[in-house]
Amino acid sequence: MLRIAPIEKSTPPEAEALPARLYAMLPRIRITNLLSEVAHWTLFTDCFTHLRSGETAADPRILMADLLADGLNLSLTRMAEACTLANLGQLAWVADWHIRDETYALALRRLVDHQQREPLAAIFGSGFSSSSDGQFFRAGGFGRAAGRLNAITAAIREASSTPISPTALHRSTLR
């Protein structure tokens, strides 16, 4: 019988304390303020255009509340209860008319393109490959197709014969 002894912890105490020191250096900021600041830098909210008119959302803060709810897997009902900015009807209207697969893809492309222009991004390569835990995966490029699927919609699409958009997911969370 082969026995392998567990590896003993070998992290120096100084390294154990480093994460707490680094987090203490970061400013405390609300996620809504961070999202608003990124929107100001990149104008990614302009990608979420009205389905018929092509206009941007009248109040980008409501759009960002919808995006935040989607990103947190929070129903629009719960988001409406949590924020004072908009009621359920307003959140649902913006989600139904402005948030679609193609608008997510455009916004993601804009965010990735903006990130690639930052000097720090050059240290990590050209953006055509991805490395995670030492594994190498080819990536599609500069955000072009990166926003088409996420973990939720990919799993649903595998189980369903009809495509489901984030808008349909929003509608299902209203119940």
N, C-alpha and C. Protein backbone atom coordinates (compact mmCIF):
# COMPACT_ATOMS: atom_id res chain seq x y z
N MET A 1 0.84 -1.16 0.00
CA MET A 1 0.00 0.00 0.00
C MET A 1 0.90 1.24 0.00
N LEU A 2 0.58 2.16 -0.88
CA LEU A 2 1.33 3.40 -1.00
C LEU A 2 0.71 4.44 -0.09
N ARG A 3 1.54 5.04 0.75
CA ARG A 3 1.07 6.11 1.64
C ARG A 3 1.85 7.38 1.31
N ILE A 4 1.11 8.44 1.15
CA ILE A 4 1.73 9.73 0.90
C ILE A 4 1.37 10.64 2.05
N ALA A 5 2.38 11.14 2.71
CA ALA A 5 2.15 12.03 3.85
C ALA A 5 1.69 13.39 3.35
N PRO A 6 0.77 14.02 4.06
CA PRO A 6 0.34 15.36 3.65
C PRO A 6 1.49 16.35 3.73
N ILE A 7 1.46 17.31 2.84
CA ILE A 7 2.49 18.34 2.82
C ILE A 7 2.23 19.29 3.98
N GLU A 8 3.29 19.56 4.70
CA GLU A 8 3.15 20.49 5.82
C GLU A 8 3.12 21.92 5.31
N LYS A 9 2.41 22.75 6.03
CA LYS A 9 2.30 24.16 5.68
C LYS A 9 3.68 24.79 5.74
N SER A 10 4.04 25.47 4.65
CA SER A 10 5.38 26.05 4.61
C SER A 10 5.35 27.55 4.31
N THR A 11 4.20 28.17 4.48
CA THR A 11 4.10 29.61 4.22
C THR A 11 4.69 30.38 5.39
N PRO A 12 5.64 31.27 5.09
CA PRO A 12 6.23 32.06 6.18
C PRO A 12 5.18 32.99 6.81
N PRO A 13 5.31 33.28 8.09
CA PRO A 13 4.34 34.16 8.77
C PRO A 13 4.22 35.53 8.12
N GLU A 14 5.33 36.04 7.55
CA GLU A 14 5.28 37.35 6.90
C GLU A 14 4.32 37.31 5.70
N ALA A 15 4.34 36.19 4.97
CA ALA A 15 3.46 36.05 3.81
C ALA A 15 2.00 35.90 4.24
N GLU A 16 1.77 35.27 5.38
CA GLU A 16 0.42 35.12 5.90
C GLU A 16 -0.19 36.48 6.24
N ALA A 17 0.62 37.42 6.72
CA ALA A 17 0.13 38.74 7.12
C ALA A 17 -0.01 39.69 5.93
N LEU A 18 0.60 39.37 4.80
CA LEU A 18 0.61 40.28 3.65
C LEU A 18 -0.79 40.60 3.10
N PRO A 19 -1.68 39.63 2.91
CA PRO A 19 -3.01 39.99 2.38
C PRO A 19 -3.74 41.04 3.22
N ALA A 20 -3.68 40.90 4.52
CA ALA A 20 -4.35 41.88 5.39
C ALA A 20 -3.73 43.26 5.23
N ARG A 21 -2.41 43.33 5.11
CA ARG A 21 -1.74 44.62 4.92
C ARG A 21 -2.13 45.25 3.57
N LEU A 22 -2.20 44.43 2.53
CA LEU A 22 -2.56 44.95 1.21
C LEU A 22 -4.00 45.44 1.18
N TYR A 23 -4.92 44.67 1.76
CA TYR A 23 -6.31 45.10 1.81
C TYR A 23 -6.48 46.38 2.61
N ALA A 24 -5.67 46.57 3.64
CA ALA A 24 -5.74 47.79 4.44
C ALA A 24 -5.33 49.01 3.63
N MET A 25 -4.52 48.82 2.59
CA MET A 25 -4.06 49.93 1.75
C MET A 25 -5.13 50.36 0.75
N LEU A 26 -6.07 49.48 0.43
CA LEU A 26 -7.09 49.81 -0.56
C LEU A 26 -8.14 50.73 0.05
N PRO A 27 -8.62 51.68 -0.73
CA PRO A 27 -9.68 52.56 -0.20
C PRO A 27 -10.99 51.79 -0.09
N ARG A 28 -11.77 52.13 0.90
CA ARG A 28 -13.10 51.54 1.06
C ARG A 28 -14.05 52.30 0.14
N ILE A 29 -14.70 51.58 -0.75
CA ILE A 29 -15.60 52.22 -1.71
C ILE A 29 -16.82 51.34 -1.92
N ARG A 30 -17.95 51.97 -2.10
CA ARG A 30 -19.18 51.22 -2.36
C ARG A 30 -19.13 50.69 -3.80
N ILE A 31 -19.66 49.50 -4.02
CA ILE A 31 -19.65 48.89 -5.34
C ILE A 31 -20.39 49.76 -6.36
N THR A 32 -21.44 50.45 -5.91
CA THR A 32 -22.18 51.32 -6.82
C THR A 32 -21.32 52.50 -7.26
N ASN A 33 -20.50 53.04 -6.36
CA ASN A 33 -19.61 54.14 -6.73
C ASN A 33 -18.52 53.66 -7.69
N LEU A 34 -18.02 52.46 -7.46
CA LEU A 34 -17.01 51.90 -8.35
C LEU A 34 -17.58 51.69 -9.75
N LEU A 35 -18.77 51.12 -9.83
CA LEU A 35 -19.42 50.89 -11.12
C LEU A 35 -19.66 52.20 -11.84
N SER A 36 -20.08 53.21 -11.11
CA SER A 36 -20.30 54.53 -11.70
C SER A 36 -19.00 55.15 -12.22
N GLU A 37 -17.93 54.97 -11.47
CA GLU A 37 -16.64 55.51 -11.89
C GLU A 37 -16.13 54.81 -13.15
N VAL A 38 -16.27 53.50 -13.21
CA VAL A 38 -15.87 52.75 -14.40
C VAL A 38 -16.72 53.16 -15.61
N ALA A 39 -18.01 53.38 -15.38
CA ALA A 39 -18.89 53.84 -16.45
C ALA A 39 -18.44 55.21 -16.97
N HIS A 40 -18.01 56.07 -16.08
CA HIS A 40 -17.52 57.40 -16.47
C HIS A 40 -16.25 57.29 -17.32
N TRP A 41 -15.34 56.40 -16.93
CA TRP A 41 -14.08 56.25 -17.68
C TRP A 41 -14.30 55.63 -19.05
N THR A 42 -15.16 54.61 -19.11
CA THR A 42 -15.25 53.78 -20.32
C THR A 42 -16.48 54.04 -21.17
N LEU A 43 -17.51 54.66 -20.59
CA LEU A 43 -18.79 54.87 -21.26
C LEU A 43 -19.44 53.56 -21.69
N PHE A 44 -19.19 52.47 -20.94
CA PHE A 44 -19.76 51.18 -21.30
C PHE A 44 -21.28 51.18 -21.24
N THR A 45 -21.86 52.07 -20.44
CA THR A 45 -23.32 52.10 -20.34
C THR A 45 -23.96 52.56 -21.65
N ASP A 46 -23.21 53.27 -22.49
CA ASP A 46 -23.74 53.70 -23.79
C ASP A 46 -23.99 52.52 -24.72
N CYS A 47 -23.42 51.37 -24.41
CA CYS A 47 -23.61 50.17 -25.25
C CYS A 47 -24.99 49.55 -25.05
N PHE A 48 -25.64 49.85 -23.93
CA PHE A 48 -26.94 49.28 -23.63
C PHE A 48 -28.03 50.18 -24.21
N THR A 49 -28.24 50.04 -25.51
CA THR A 49 -29.18 50.91 -26.22
C THR A 49 -30.58 50.30 -26.24
N HIS A 50 -31.56 51.17 -26.41
CA HIS A 50 -32.96 50.77 -26.49
C HIS A 50 -33.16 49.87 -27.71
N LEU A 51 -33.92 48.82 -27.56
CA LEU A 51 -34.13 47.84 -28.61
C LEU A 51 -34.70 48.45 -29.88
N ARG A 52 -35.62 49.38 -29.75
CA ARG A 52 -36.25 49.98 -30.94
C ARG A 52 -35.60 51.29 -31.36
N SER A 53 -35.40 52.20 -30.43
CA SER A 53 -34.93 53.54 -30.81
C SER A 53 -33.42 53.64 -30.91
N GLY A 54 -32.69 52.73 -30.24
CA GLY A 54 -31.23 52.80 -30.24
C GLY A 54 -30.67 53.83 -29.28
N GLU A 55 -31.53 54.48 -28.50
CA GLU A 55 -31.06 55.50 -27.55
C GLU A 55 -30.52 54.84 -26.29
N THR A 56 -29.64 55.57 -25.61
CA THR A 56 -29.12 55.07 -24.33
C THR A 56 -30.17 55.24 -23.24
N ALA A 57 -29.97 54.57 -22.13
CA ALA A 57 -30.92 54.64 -21.02
C ALA A 57 -31.01 56.08 -20.52
N ALA A 58 -32.23 56.52 -20.25
CA ALA A 58 -32.44 57.89 -19.77
C ALA A 58 -31.73 58.12 -18.44
N ASP A 59 -31.75 57.12 -17.57
CA ASP A 59 -31.07 57.22 -16.29
C ASP A 59 -30.09 56.05 -16.17
N PRO A 60 -28.81 56.30 -16.43
CA PRO A 60 -27.83 55.21 -16.38
C PRO A 60 -27.71 54.57 -15.00
N ARG A 61 -28.14 55.27 -13.96
CA ARG A 61 -28.09 54.68 -12.62
C ARG A 61 -29.05 53.51 -12.50
N ILE A 62 -30.21 53.60 -13.15
CA ILE A 62 -31.17 52.48 -13.14
C ILE A 62 -30.59 51.32 -13.93
N LEU A 63 -29.96 51.62 -15.06
CA LEU A 63 -29.30 50.58 -15.85
C LEU A 63 -28.24 49.88 -15.02
N MET A 64 -27.43 50.64 -14.30
CA MET A 64 -26.37 50.03 -13.48
C MET A 64 -26.96 49.22 -12.33
N ALA A 65 -28.11 49.64 -11.80
CA ALA A 65 -28.78 48.84 -10.76
C ALA A 65 -29.22 47.50 -11.35
N ASP A 66 -29.73 47.53 -12.59
CA ASP A 66 -30.10 46.28 -13.27
C ASP A 66 -28.89 45.39 -13.49
N LEU A 67 -27.79 45.98 -13.95
CA LEU A 67 -26.57 45.21 -14.20
C LEU A 67 -26.03 44.62 -12.91
N LEU A 68 -26.08 45.41 -11.85
CA LEU A 68 -25.61 44.92 -10.55
C LEU A 68 -26.48 43.77 -10.06
N ALA A 69 -27.79 43.90 -10.22
CA ALA A 69 -28.70 42.81 -9.83
C ALA A 69 -28.39 41.55 -10.64
N ASP A 70 -28.16 41.71 -11.92
CA ASP A 70 -27.85 40.57 -12.78
C ASP A 70 -26.53 39.93 -12.36
N GLY A 71 -25.53 40.74 -12.09
CA GLY A 71 -24.22 40.24 -11.69
C GLY A 71 -24.22 39.55 -10.34
N LEU A 72 -25.14 39.95 -9.47
CA LEU A 72 -25.23 39.36 -8.13
C LEU A 72 -26.27 38.25 -8.05
N ASN A 73 -26.89 37.92 -9.20
CA ASN A 73 -27.99 36.96 -9.22
C ASN A 73 -29.09 37.35 -8.24
N LEU A 74 -29.37 38.63 -8.22
CA LEU A 74 -30.40 39.19 -7.35
C LEU A 74 -31.61 39.50 -8.22
N SER A 75 -32.76 39.09 -7.82
CA SER A 75 -33.95 39.38 -8.63
C SER A 75 -34.20 40.89 -8.66
N LEU A 76 -34.91 41.32 -9.69
CA LEU A 76 -35.24 42.74 -9.77
C LEU A 76 -36.15 43.15 -8.62
N THR A 77 -36.97 42.23 -8.15
CA THR A 77 -37.82 42.52 -6.99
C THR A 77 -36.97 42.83 -5.78
N ARG A 78 -35.95 41.99 -5.55
CA ARG A 78 -35.06 42.22 -4.40
C ARG A 78 -34.25 43.51 -4.59
N MET A 79 -33.82 43.78 -5.81
CA MET A 79 -33.07 45.02 -6.07
C MET A 79 -33.96 46.22 -5.81
N ALA A 80 -35.21 46.15 -6.25
CA ALA A 80 -36.14 47.27 -6.01
C ALA A 80 -36.34 47.50 -4.52
N GLU A 81 -36.37 46.42 -3.74
CA GLU A 81 -36.51 46.54 -2.29
C GLU A 81 -35.26 47.13 -1.65
N ALA A 82 -34.09 46.83 -2.25
CA ALA A 82 -32.82 47.24 -1.65
C ALA A 82 -32.41 48.67 -2.02
N CYS A 83 -32.91 49.18 -3.14
CA CYS A 83 -32.46 50.52 -3.55
C CYS A 83 -33.61 51.51 -3.53
N THR A 84 -33.27 52.75 -3.35
CA THR A 84 -34.27 53.81 -3.34
C THR A 84 -34.33 54.54 -4.68
N LEU A 85 -33.49 54.12 -5.58
CA LEU A 85 -33.34 54.78 -6.88
C LEU A 85 -34.51 54.53 -7.82
N ALA A 86 -35.01 53.29 -7.83
CA ALA A 86 -36.05 52.93 -8.80
C ALA A 86 -36.97 51.87 -8.21
N ASN A 87 -38.18 51.84 -8.74
CA ASN A 87 -39.11 50.80 -8.32
C ASN A 87 -39.00 49.61 -9.28
N LEU A 88 -39.73 48.56 -9.00
CA LEU A 88 -39.66 47.34 -9.80
C LEU A 88 -40.03 47.60 -11.25
N GLY A 89 -41.05 48.39 -11.49
CA GLY A 89 -41.47 48.70 -12.86
C GLY A 89 -40.37 49.38 -13.66
N GLN A 90 -39.69 50.34 -13.05
CA GLN A 90 -38.61 51.04 -13.75
C GLN A 90 -37.43 50.11 -14.04
N LEU A 91 -37.08 49.30 -13.05
CA LEU A 91 -35.98 48.34 -13.25
C LEU A 91 -36.33 47.34 -14.36
N ALA A 92 -37.55 46.83 -14.34
CA ALA A 92 -37.97 45.85 -15.34
C ALA A 92 -38.01 46.47 -16.73
N TRP A 93 -38.49 47.71 -16.84
CA TRP A 93 -38.57 48.36 -18.15
C TRP A 93 -37.18 48.52 -18.75
N VAL A 94 -36.23 49.01 -17.97
CA VAL A 94 -34.86 49.18 -18.48
C VAL A 94 -34.25 47.83 -18.83
N ALA A 95 -34.46 46.83 -17.99
CA ALA A 95 -33.93 45.50 -18.27
C ALA A 95 -34.51 44.93 -19.57
N ASP A 96 -35.80 45.08 -19.76
CA ASP A 96 -36.46 44.52 -20.95
C ASP A 96 -36.05 45.22 -22.24
N TRP A 97 -35.86 46.52 -22.19
CA TRP A 97 -35.60 47.27 -23.42
C TRP A 97 -34.13 47.54 -23.70
N HIS A 98 -33.28 47.50 -22.68
CA HIS A 98 -31.88 47.88 -22.88
C HIS A 98 -30.88 46.74 -22.70
N ILE A 99 -31.22 45.73 -21.94
CA ILE A 99 -30.23 44.69 -21.62
C ILE A 99 -30.52 43.44 -22.44
N ARG A 100 -29.59 43.15 -23.37
CA ARG A 100 -29.70 41.99 -24.26
C ARG A 100 -28.32 41.37 -24.42
N ASP A 101 -28.28 40.17 -25.00
CA ASP A 101 -27.00 39.51 -25.25
C ASP A 101 -26.04 40.43 -26.01
N GLU A 102 -26.55 41.05 -27.07
CA GLU A 102 -25.66 41.86 -27.91
C GLU A 102 -25.19 43.13 -27.20
N THR A 103 -26.01 43.70 -26.30
CA THR A 103 -25.56 44.89 -25.59
C THR A 103 -24.54 44.53 -24.52
N TYR A 104 -24.72 43.36 -23.90
CA TYR A 104 -23.69 42.86 -22.97
C TYR A 104 -22.36 42.66 -23.72
N ALA A 105 -22.44 42.06 -24.89
CA ALA A 105 -21.22 41.79 -25.67
C ALA A 105 -20.51 43.10 -26.05
N LEU A 106 -21.28 44.09 -26.48
CA LEU A 106 -20.68 45.39 -26.83
C LEU A 106 -20.04 46.06 -25.63
N ALA A 107 -20.74 46.02 -24.49
CA ALA A 107 -20.20 46.63 -23.28
C ALA A 107 -18.94 45.92 -22.82
N LEU A 108 -18.95 44.60 -22.87
CA LEU A 108 -17.76 43.85 -22.48
C LEU A 108 -16.59 44.15 -23.41
N ARG A 109 -16.87 44.25 -24.70
CA ARG A 109 -15.81 44.61 -25.65
C ARG A 109 -15.23 45.98 -25.32
N ARG A 110 -16.10 46.93 -24.98
CA ARG A 110 -15.62 48.28 -24.64
C ARG A 110 -14.76 48.24 -23.38
N LEU A 111 -15.19 47.48 -22.37
CA LEU A 111 -14.41 47.38 -21.13
C LEU A 111 -13.05 46.73 -21.38
N VAL A 112 -13.03 45.65 -22.14
CA VAL A 112 -11.77 44.96 -22.42
C VAL A 112 -10.85 45.85 -23.25
N ASP A 113 -11.39 46.50 -24.26
CA ASP A 113 -10.57 47.41 -25.08
C ASP A 113 -9.98 48.53 -24.23
N HIS A 114 -10.77 49.07 -23.32
CA HIS A 114 -10.27 50.13 -22.43
C HIS A 114 -9.17 49.59 -21.53
N GLN A 115 -9.38 48.40 -20.99
CA GLN A 115 -8.39 47.78 -20.12
C GLN A 115 -7.08 47.52 -20.88
N GLN A 116 -7.18 47.09 -22.13
CA GLN A 116 -5.99 46.79 -22.92
C GLN A 116 -5.14 48.02 -23.19
N ARG A 117 -5.74 49.20 -23.12
CA ARG A 117 -4.98 50.44 -23.33
C ARG A 117 -4.20 50.87 -22.08
N GLU A 118 -4.48 50.25 -20.96
CA GLU A 118 -3.78 50.59 -19.72
C GLU A 118 -2.37 49.98 -19.73
N PRO A 119 -1.36 50.73 -19.28
CA PRO A 119 0.02 50.23 -19.30
C PRO A 119 0.21 48.92 -18.53
N LEU A 120 -0.50 48.75 -17.43
CA LEU A 120 -0.36 47.54 -16.64
C LEU A 120 -0.78 46.29 -17.44
N ALA A 121 -1.75 46.43 -18.34
CA ALA A 121 -2.24 45.29 -19.11
C ALA A 121 -1.14 44.70 -19.99
N ALA A 122 -0.22 45.52 -20.47
CA ALA A 122 0.85 45.03 -21.34
C ALA A 122 1.74 44.01 -20.63
N ILE A 123 1.84 44.10 -19.32
CA ILE A 123 2.65 43.16 -18.56
C ILE A 123 2.08 41.75 -18.67
N PHE A 124 0.76 41.64 -18.83
CA PHE A 124 0.10 40.35 -18.85
C PHE A 124 -0.07 39.79 -20.25
N GLY A 125 0.47 40.45 -21.26
CA GLY A 125 0.43 39.91 -22.61
C GLY A 125 -0.53 40.66 -23.52
N SER A 126 -0.74 40.05 -24.68
CA SER A 126 -1.50 40.70 -25.76
C SER A 126 -3.01 40.61 -25.60
N GLY A 127 -3.49 39.73 -24.74
CA GLY A 127 -4.92 39.58 -24.57
C GLY A 127 -5.52 38.46 -25.40
N PHE A 128 -4.68 37.71 -26.12
CA PHE A 128 -5.17 36.63 -26.96
C PHE A 128 -5.12 35.28 -26.27
N SER A 129 -4.63 35.23 -25.05
CA SER A 129 -4.62 33.96 -24.32
C SER A 129 -4.96 34.25 -22.86
N SER A 130 -5.35 33.20 -22.18
CA SER A 130 -5.74 33.32 -20.79
C SER A 130 -5.03 32.24 -20.00
N SER A 131 -4.56 32.58 -18.83
CA SER A 131 -3.92 31.60 -17.97
C SER A 131 -4.62 31.60 -16.62
N SER A 132 -4.98 30.42 -16.17
CA SER A 132 -5.68 30.28 -14.90
C SER A 132 -5.10 29.10 -14.16
N ASP A 133 -4.54 29.34 -13.00
CA ASP A 133 -3.94 28.27 -12.20
C ASP A 133 -2.93 27.47 -13.00
N GLY A 134 -2.17 28.13 -13.84
CA GLY A 134 -1.13 27.45 -14.61
C GLY A 134 -1.64 26.74 -15.84
N GLN A 135 -2.94 26.75 -16.08
CA GLN A 135 -3.50 26.12 -17.28
C GLN A 135 -3.56 27.16 -18.38
N PHE A 136 -3.35 26.73 -19.60
CA PHE A 136 -3.34 27.65 -20.74
C PHE A 136 -4.57 27.41 -21.60
N PHE A 137 -5.33 28.47 -21.86
CA PHE A 137 -6.51 28.38 -22.71
C PHE A 137 -6.42 29.48 -23.75
N ARG A 138 -6.72 29.15 -24.99
CA ARG A 138 -6.78 30.18 -26.02
C ARG A 138 -8.04 31.01 -25.80
N ALA A 139 -7.93 32.28 -25.99
CA ALA A 139 -9.08 33.16 -25.84
C ALA A 139 -9.43 33.74 -27.20
N GLY A 140 -10.64 34.25 -27.34
CA GLY A 140 -11.14 34.71 -28.63
C GLY A 140 -10.56 36.02 -29.10
N GLY A 141 -10.00 36.82 -28.26
CA GLY A 141 -9.47 38.11 -28.70
C GLY A 141 -9.84 39.21 -27.74
N PHE A 142 -9.94 40.42 -28.24
CA PHE A 142 -10.17 41.59 -27.41
C PHE A 142 -11.65 41.80 -27.11
N GLY A 143 -12.26 40.87 -26.42
CA GLY A 143 -13.64 41.05 -26.01
C GLY A 143 -14.67 40.83 -27.09
N ARG A 144 -14.25 40.50 -28.31
CA ARG A 144 -15.19 40.38 -29.42
C ARG A 144 -16.32 39.39 -29.11
N ALA A 145 -15.98 38.18 -28.70
CA ALA A 145 -17.00 37.18 -28.42
C ALA A 145 -17.08 36.84 -26.94
N ALA A 146 -16.34 37.54 -26.12
CA ALA A 146 -16.21 37.18 -24.72
C ALA A 146 -17.51 37.32 -23.94
N GLY A 147 -18.40 38.21 -24.34
CA GLY A 147 -19.61 38.45 -23.57
C GLY A 147 -20.80 37.62 -24.00
N ARG A 148 -20.61 36.69 -24.93
CA ARG A 148 -21.75 35.94 -25.44
C ARG A 148 -22.33 34.96 -24.43
N LEU A 149 -21.48 34.39 -23.59
CA LEU A 149 -21.95 33.41 -22.61
C LEU A 149 -21.38 33.71 -21.25
N ASN A 150 -22.15 33.41 -20.24
CA ASN A 150 -21.61 33.39 -18.90
C ASN A 150 -22.02 32.06 -18.28
N ALA A 151 -21.62 31.80 -17.08
CA ALA A 151 -21.87 30.49 -16.47
C ALA A 151 -23.36 30.17 -16.40
N ILE A 152 -24.18 31.16 -16.15
CA ILE A 152 -25.62 30.91 -16.01
C ILE A 152 -26.26 30.63 -17.36
N THR A 153 -26.05 31.52 -18.34
CA THR A 153 -26.70 31.32 -19.63
C THR A 153 -26.15 30.11 -20.36
N ALA A 154 -24.87 29.78 -20.17
CA ALA A 154 -24.31 28.59 -20.82
C ALA A 154 -24.98 27.33 -20.29
N ALA A 155 -25.17 27.24 -18.98
CA ALA A 155 -25.80 26.06 -18.39
C ALA A 155 -27.25 25.95 -18.83
N ILE A 156 -27.94 27.07 -18.90
CA ILE A 156 -29.34 27.04 -19.31
C ILE A 156 -29.44 26.65 -20.78
N ARG A 157 -28.56 27.19 -21.61
CA ARG A 157 -28.61 26.86 -23.04
C ARG A 157 -28.33 25.38 -23.28
N GLU A 158 -27.45 24.79 -22.49
CA GLU A 158 -27.17 23.37 -22.65
C GLU A 158 -28.40 22.54 -22.31
N ALA A 159 -29.20 22.98 -21.36
CA ALA A 159 -30.36 22.22 -20.92
C ALA A 159 -31.62 22.56 -21.72
N SER A 160 -31.57 23.56 -22.54
CA SER A 160 -32.75 24.04 -23.24
C SER A 160 -32.53 24.00 -24.75
N SER A 161 -33.59 23.78 -25.49
CA SER A 161 -33.46 23.77 -26.95
C SER A 161 -33.64 25.17 -27.52
N THR A 162 -34.16 26.10 -26.74
CA THR A 162 -34.34 27.46 -27.23
C THR A 162 -33.37 28.39 -26.52
N PRO A 163 -32.77 29.33 -27.25
CA PRO A 163 -31.84 30.27 -26.61
C PRO A 163 -32.56 31.14 -25.58
N ILE A 164 -31.86 31.44 -24.51
CA ILE A 164 -32.42 32.27 -23.45
C ILE A 164 -31.52 33.49 -23.29
N SER A 165 -32.10 34.66 -23.33
CA SER A 165 -31.32 35.89 -23.20
C SER A 165 -31.35 36.34 -21.74
N PRO A 166 -30.41 37.23 -21.35
CA PRO A 166 -30.46 37.79 -20.00
C PRO A 166 -31.80 38.48 -19.72
N THR A 167 -32.44 39.03 -20.76
CA THR A 167 -33.73 39.67 -20.57
C THR A 167 -34.76 38.65 -20.10
N ALA A 168 -34.72 37.46 -20.72
CA ALA A 168 -35.65 36.41 -20.32
C ALA A 168 -35.35 35.96 -18.89
N LEU A 169 -34.07 35.94 -18.54
CA LEU A 169 -33.71 35.58 -17.17
C LEU A 169 -34.26 36.61 -16.19
N HIS A 170 -34.19 37.90 -16.56
CA HIS A 170 -34.73 38.95 -15.70
C HIS A 170 -36.23 38.75 -15.50
N ARG A 171 -36.93 38.44 -16.59
CA ARG A 171 -38.37 38.26 -16.49
C ARG A 171 -38.70 37.10 -15.55
N SER A 172 -37.88 36.03 -15.63
CA SER A 172 -38.18 34.89 -14.78
C SER A 172 -37.92 35.19 -13.31
N THR A 173 -37.10 36.19 -13.01
CA THR A 173 -36.83 36.52 -11.61
C THR A 173 -37.88 37.45 -11.02
N LEU A 174 -38.77 37.96 -11.86
CA LEU A 174 -39.81 38.86 -11.37
C LEU A 174 -40.92 38.10 -10.67
N ARG A 175 -41.03 36.83 -10.91
CA ARG A 175 -42.11 36.03 -10.32
C ARG A 175 -41.92 35.76 -8.87
